[in-house]
Protein backbone atom coordinates (compact mmCIF):
# COMPACT_ATOMS: atom_id res chain seq x y z
CA GLY A 1 -9.06 -23.69 -77.73
CA GLY A 2 -12.49 -22.76 -78.85
CA PHE A 3 -11.37 -22.33 -82.23
CA VAL A 4 -10.10 -26.00 -82.50
CA ALA A 5 -12.99 -27.42 -80.20
CA ILE A 6 -16.05 -25.69 -82.24
CA PRO A 7 -15.17 -27.43 -85.53
CA LEU A 8 -14.56 -30.93 -83.75
CA LEU A 9 -17.89 -30.42 -81.91
CA THR A 10 -19.75 -29.87 -84.88
CA GLY A 11 -17.85 -32.28 -87.11
CA TRP A 12 -17.30 -35.08 -84.90
CA LEU A 13 -20.05 -35.03 -82.38
CA ARG A 14 -22.56 -33.65 -84.56
CA LEU A 15 -23.83 -30.57 -82.16
CA THR A 16 -25.41 -27.70 -83.78
CA GLN A 17 -23.38 -24.51 -84.05
CA HIS A 18 -25.19 -22.86 -81.26
CA GLN A 19 -24.38 -26.02 -79.13
CA ALA A 20 -20.88 -25.99 -80.03
CA HIS A 21 -20.44 -22.43 -79.06
CA GLY A 22 -22.03 -22.55 -75.67
CA THR A 23 -20.33 -25.99 -74.76
CA SER A 24 -16.70 -24.60 -76.09
CA LEU A 25 -17.32 -21.62 -73.73
CA GLY A 26 -18.16 -23.74 -70.94
CA ALA A 27 -14.64 -25.49 -71.21
CA VAL A 28 -13.10 -21.87 -71.75
CA CYS A 29 -13.02 -21.31 -68.07
CA ALA A 30 -10.93 -24.51 -67.35
CA THR A 31 -8.64 -23.30 -70.36
CA GLY A 32 -8.11 -20.07 -69.11
CA ALA A 33 -7.44 -21.00 -65.29
CA ALA A 34 -5.12 -23.49 -66.18
CA GLY A 35 -3.37 -21.48 -68.89
CA ALA A 36 -3.14 -18.51 -66.35
CA ALA A 37 -1.55 -20.70 -63.94
CA GLY A 38 1.27 -21.64 -66.23
CA PHE A 39 2.20 -17.92 -67.07
CA ALA A 40 1.53 -16.65 -63.44
CA ALA A 41 4.31 -19.33 -62.21
CA ALA A 42 6.59 -17.70 -64.76
CA GLY A 43 5.62 -14.10 -63.41
CA GLN A 44 3.81 -13.07 -66.78
CA VAL A 45 0.58 -12.11 -65.48
CA ASP A 46 0.02 -8.41 -64.36
CA TRP A 47 -2.77 -8.82 -61.63
CA MET A 48 -3.10 -4.86 -61.35
CA ALA A 49 -4.41 -4.78 -65.05
CA LEU A 50 -6.78 -7.80 -64.46
CA PRO A 51 -9.84 -6.33 -62.63
CA PRO A 52 -11.26 -3.87 -64.98
CA MET A 53 -10.79 -6.40 -67.78
CA VAL A 54 -12.79 -9.25 -65.71
CA VAL A 55 -15.53 -6.93 -64.86
CA ALA A 56 -16.34 -5.35 -68.29
CA GLY A 57 -16.04 -8.93 -69.76
CA MET A 58 -18.63 -10.45 -67.42
CA VAL A 59 -20.97 -7.80 -68.47
CA THR A 60 -20.41 -8.14 -72.31
CA SER A 61 -20.32 -11.85 -72.18
CA THR A 62 -23.69 -12.32 -71.02
CA LEU A 63 -24.75 -9.96 -73.80
CA GLY A 64 -22.86 -11.81 -76.55
CA ALA A 65 -24.38 -15.13 -75.02
CA LYS A 66 -27.91 -13.79 -75.57
CA ALA A 67 -27.27 -12.39 -79.05
CA THR A 68 -26.20 -16.01 -79.93
CA GLY A 69 -29.80 -17.32 -79.81
CA ARG A 70 -30.99 -14.62 -82.39
CA LEU A 71 -28.49 -15.87 -85.17
CA LYS A 72 -29.16 -18.63 -87.62
CA GLN A 73 -26.55 -21.32 -87.98
CA SER A 74 -25.29 -20.61 -90.76
CA THR A 75 -24.71 -17.08 -90.11
CA LEU A 76 -23.09 -17.84 -86.83
CA LYS A 77 -20.64 -20.00 -88.62
CA ARG A 78 -19.92 -17.51 -91.12
CA MET A 79 -19.38 -14.52 -88.73
CA LEU A 80 -16.70 -17.13 -86.85
CA GLY A 81 -14.91 -17.78 -90.00
CA VAL A 82 -14.61 -14.03 -91.10
CA PHE A 83 -13.64 -13.33 -87.46
CA MET A 84 -10.81 -15.77 -87.57
CA ILE A 85 -9.56 -14.59 -90.69
CA GLY A 86 -9.74 -11.00 -90.06
CA ILE A 87 -7.60 -11.54 -86.71
CA ALA A 88 -4.56 -13.12 -88.68
CA PRO A 89 -3.05 -10.18 -90.31
CA VAL A 90 -3.40 -8.16 -87.03
CA VAL A 91 -1.03 -10.54 -85.48
CA ILE A 92 1.42 -10.68 -88.53
CA PHE A 93 1.77 -6.66 -88.57
CA ARG A 94 1.33 -6.02 -84.76
CA ASP A 95 5.08 -4.70 -84.61
CA GLN A 96 4.37 -2.48 -87.54
CA LEU A 97 0.90 -1.29 -85.97
CA LEU A 98 2.72 -1.02 -82.54
CA GLU A 99 5.51 1.22 -84.18
CA TYR A 100 2.77 3.56 -85.73
CA ALA A 101 0.79 4.02 -82.72
CA HIS A 102 3.86 5.04 -80.55
CA ARG A 103 5.43 7.20 -83.12
CA PRO A 104 6.59 10.70 -81.92
CA VAL A 105 3.86 13.53 -82.91
CA HIS A 106 4.99 16.81 -84.72
CA GLY A 107 8.72 15.99 -84.31
CA GLU A 108 8.88 15.27 -80.71
CA GLU A 109 11.28 13.00 -79.20
CA PRO A 110 10.11 9.54 -78.23
CA LEU A 111 9.21 9.20 -74.86
CA HIS A 112 12.00 6.61 -74.44
CA SER A 113 14.57 8.97 -75.70
CA ASN A 114 16.72 10.73 -73.05
CA PRO A 115 18.41 13.44 -74.71
CA ASN A 116 19.84 14.68 -71.37
CA PRO A 117 21.68 11.68 -69.45
CA SER A 118 22.93 14.01 -66.76
CA ASN A 119 19.54 14.44 -65.50
CA GLN A 120 18.39 10.84 -65.45
CA LEU A 121 21.65 9.93 -63.09
CA GLY A 122 21.23 13.32 -61.17
CA GLY A 123 24.81 14.11 -61.70
CA ALA A 124 26.23 17.43 -62.65
CA GLY A 125 24.00 19.65 -64.33
CA GLY A 126 21.01 17.80 -63.05
CA ASP A 127 18.89 18.82 -60.13
CA GLY A 128 19.08 15.66 -58.16
CA GLY A 129 15.73 14.36 -58.96
CA GLY A 130 16.27 13.35 -62.41
CA GLU A 131 16.69 9.85 -61.52
CA HIS A 132 13.27 9.75 -59.66
CA LYS A 133 11.70 11.51 -62.86
CA ALA A 134 12.96 9.22 -65.29
CA VAL A 135 11.82 6.08 -63.31
CA VAL A 136 8.38 7.39 -63.18
CA ALA A 137 8.14 8.40 -66.77
CA THR A 138 9.77 4.90 -67.80
CA ALA A 139 7.00 3.20 -65.56
CA ALA A 140 4.42 5.13 -67.27
CA VAL A 141 5.60 4.39 -70.72
CA GLU A 142 6.47 0.64 -70.22
CA ARG A 143 3.09 -0.08 -68.43
CA PRO A 144 0.17 2.05 -69.85
CA SER A 145 -1.92 -0.83 -68.95
CA SER A 146 -2.48 0.86 -65.48
CA ASP A 147 -5.20 2.81 -67.20
CA PRO A 148 -8.37 1.22 -66.15
CA LEU A 149 -10.55 2.48 -68.91
CA ARG A 150 -8.20 0.94 -71.57
CA MET A 151 -8.13 -2.41 -69.95
CA ALA A 152 -11.92 -2.38 -69.50
CA ALA A 153 -12.38 -1.50 -73.04
CA ILE A 154 -10.38 -4.47 -74.14
CA GLY A 155 -12.06 -6.80 -71.64
CA ALA A 156 -15.46 -5.64 -72.78
CA CYS A 157 -14.85 -6.30 -76.50
CA SER A 158 -13.15 -9.78 -75.63
CA GLY A 159 -16.21 -10.70 -73.29
CA PHE A 160 -18.77 -10.08 -76.05
CA LEU A 161 -16.82 -12.09 -78.59
CA ALA A 162 -16.37 -14.95 -75.88
CA GLY A 163 -20.06 -14.81 -75.27
CA ILE A 164 -21.15 -14.76 -78.89
CA PHE A 165 -18.52 -17.08 -80.32
CA GLY A 166 -17.73 -19.45 -77.49
CA VAL A 167 -14.11 -18.83 -77.23
CA GLY A 168 -11.70 -17.19 -74.88
CA GLY A 169 -11.55 -13.80 -76.71
CA GLY A 170 -7.79 -14.08 -76.82
CA ALA A 171 -7.63 -13.51 -80.52
CA VAL A 172 -8.88 -10.02 -79.89
CA THR A 173 -7.28 -9.39 -76.46
CA VAL A 174 -3.74 -10.56 -77.42
CA PRO A 175 -3.46 -8.11 -80.17
CA ALA A 176 -5.21 -5.38 -78.51
CA ILE A 177 -3.05 -5.75 -75.36
CA SER A 178 0.15 -5.66 -77.45
CA LEU A 179 -0.98 -2.76 -79.46
CA CYS A 180 -2.35 -0.63 -76.37
CA THR A 181 0.44 -1.67 -73.99
CA ASP A 182 4.36 -2.57 -73.84
CA PHE A 183 3.47 -6.11 -72.63
CA THR A 184 5.38 -8.73 -74.39
CA HIS A 185 3.55 -11.36 -76.52
CA LYS A 186 3.78 -13.73 -73.61
CA GLU A 187 2.78 -11.37 -70.93
CA ALA A 188 -0.28 -10.55 -73.12
CA LEU A 189 -1.05 -14.24 -73.44
CA GLY A 190 -0.99 -14.58 -69.76
CA LEU A 191 -3.28 -11.71 -69.19
CA SER A 192 -5.74 -12.75 -71.95
CA LEU A 193 -5.91 -16.22 -70.31
CA ALA A 194 -6.30 -15.00 -66.77
CA ALA A 195 -8.92 -12.46 -67.80
CA MET A 196 -11.36 -15.11 -69.53
CA VAL A 197 -12.20 -17.20 -66.60
CA LEU A 198 -14.93 -15.25 -65.02
CA PRO A 199 -16.51 -13.74 -68.23
CA ALA A 200 -16.64 -17.53 -69.36
CA VAL A 201 -18.72 -18.53 -66.33
CA SER A 202 -21.04 -15.69 -66.76
CA GLY A 203 -21.63 -16.28 -70.48
CA GLY A 204 -21.50 -20.04 -69.85
CA PHE A 205 -24.45 -19.76 -67.71
CA VAL A 206 -26.48 -18.02 -70.14
CA HIS A 207 -25.88 -20.54 -72.73
CA TYR A 208 -26.81 -23.27 -70.16
CA ARG A 209 -30.03 -21.89 -69.65
CA ALA A 210 -30.77 -21.51 -73.29
CA GLY A 211 -30.03 -25.27 -73.37
CA ASN A 212 -26.95 -24.72 -75.64
CA LEU A 213 -24.34 -25.68 -72.95
CA LEU A 214 -24.17 -29.54 -72.63
CA PRO A 215 -22.47 -30.61 -69.35
CA ALA A 216 -21.89 -34.10 -70.61
CA VAL A 217 -19.90 -32.48 -73.32
CA ALA A 218 -18.30 -29.75 -71.57
CA VAL A 219 -16.67 -31.43 -68.80
CA PRO A 220 -14.69 -33.77 -70.57
CA LEU A 221 -13.77 -31.14 -72.89
CA ALA A 222 -12.68 -28.86 -70.14
CA VAL A 223 -10.49 -31.53 -68.45
CA GLY A 224 -8.77 -31.97 -71.84
CA THR A 225 -8.19 -28.33 -72.62
CA ALA A 226 -7.15 -27.56 -69.18
CA LEU A 227 -4.28 -30.41 -69.41
CA GLY A 228 -3.41 -28.87 -72.93
CA ALA A 229 -3.36 -25.18 -71.88
CA TYR A 230 -1.23 -25.88 -68.74
CA VAL A 231 1.38 -27.99 -70.38
CA SER A 232 1.81 -25.62 -73.41
CA SER A 233 1.99 -22.58 -71.45
CA THR A 234 4.25 -24.21 -69.00
CA TYR A 235 6.68 -26.18 -71.23
CA VAL A 236 5.95 -25.21 -74.81
CA VAL A 237 5.42 -21.43 -75.04
CA GLN A 238 8.27 -20.74 -72.39
CA ASN A 239 10.82 -22.09 -74.88
CA VAL A 240 9.56 -20.54 -78.01
CA SER A 241 10.35 -17.16 -79.40
CA ASN A 242 7.78 -14.38 -79.66
CA ASP A 243 7.99 -14.16 -83.41
CA THR A 244 7.50 -18.22 -83.79
CA LEU A 245 4.50 -17.67 -81.32
CA LYS A 246 3.29 -14.68 -83.52
CA TYR A 247 3.45 -16.43 -87.16
CA ALA A 248 2.46 -19.66 -85.83
CA PHE A 249 -0.93 -18.09 -84.54
CA ALA A 250 -1.62 -16.18 -87.31
CA ALA A 251 -1.20 -19.12 -89.68
CA PHE A 252 -3.26 -21.23 -87.56
CA MET A 253 -6.16 -18.52 -87.20
CA ALA A 254 -6.23 -18.11 -90.89
CA THR A 255 -6.28 -21.84 -91.90
CA LEU A 256 -9.01 -22.64 -89.45
CA GLY A 257 -10.99 -19.40 -90.58
CA PHE A 258 -11.03 -20.41 -94.08
CA ARG A 259 -12.14 -23.98 -93.16
CA THR A 260 -14.87 -22.74 -91.12
CA LEU A 261 -16.00 -20.33 -93.82
CA ARG A 262 -16.14 -22.85 -96.47
CA SER A 263 -18.20 -25.26 -94.29
CA ALA A 264 -20.73 -22.51 -93.81
CA THR A 265 -22.54 -23.12 -97.11
CA PRO A 266 -23.24 -26.67 -96.60
CA VAL A 267 -24.75 -26.03 -93.32
CA ARG A 268 -26.95 -23.68 -95.05
CA GLN A 269 -27.79 -26.04 -97.69
CA ALA A 270 -28.35 -28.94 -95.30
CA ALA A 271 -30.73 -26.53 -93.25
CA ALA A 272 -32.77 -25.63 -96.39
CA ASN A 273 -32.99 -29.37 -97.66
CA ALA A 274 -34.30 -30.37 -93.90
CA ALA A 275 -37.01 -27.77 -94.20
CA ALA A 276 -37.89 -28.84 -97.58
CA ARG A 277 -38.33 -32.48 -96.55
CA ILE A 278 -40.38 -31.41 -93.48
CA SER A 279 -42.85 -29.30 -95.91
CA LYS A 280 -42.83 -32.11 -98.38
CA ASP A 281 -43.81 -34.64 -95.70
CA ALA A 282 -46.52 -32.21 -94.33
CA VAL A 283 -48.03 -32.06 -97.69
CA GLN A 284 -47.98 -35.87 -98.72
CA LYS A 285 -49.41 -36.95 -95.12
CA PRO A 286 -52.61 -38.15 -95.51
CA LYS A 287 -55.39 -36.19 -93.42
CA VAL A 288 -56.84 -38.28 -90.64
CA LYS A 289 -60.63 -38.32 -90.26
């Protein structure tokens, strides 16, 4: 939602880039909660994988929010545009990257393969414990997200990007979860939404203290994004295939990224013109005796 909200906040409401990022992050909390509720109702949120992501994200989101204040408006906007463009191909080639990451090593059999079915069934030729071993091995392969360090690393990266860009971090979290785990795209979306709520609160508080989060704008924005997130996660996403979601998401990110990057130059020029006018007025202003 932040990738849509930020251009609208700077374009329609004339907020500065810093204010747009801070205000957008304030609305991310509502977006994540409402969207996660829809995915949770469909059983597509893994609550066991959530805590490491949330804790790490809360720490790094505050760091990202503090870093925002040290960046120029034009620089912040260009960074956002490049970030969105860079995410698009990752989403498109997710399946190829996933296949490469899970490839067999040195000619070994893939973990999913089972060269001795009798052991798995505990039948003739097996030791009777093959079924239990197969179940354990399958669980380990299908849910590598049980590794807290792996999920904490994803949450930390997502939290920092949320703090600095004012977005939910899903553009990084969803591909990362898809590459590092065997979650489906919908499950990755649900986990990403649930993991963004508390980091958005901690990062939003830093933005508020810096004057970059405007409650008068953030509250109605949060209501609208929460409603949209719940409706889309409950009725739209559940009826759309993973491939359709993947390509639509990538095309959307690339389009917004190019638009944001293209509009960064006028921002820099406008800032330079404003500085020039201020300097000119200061020179021409008559001295008061």
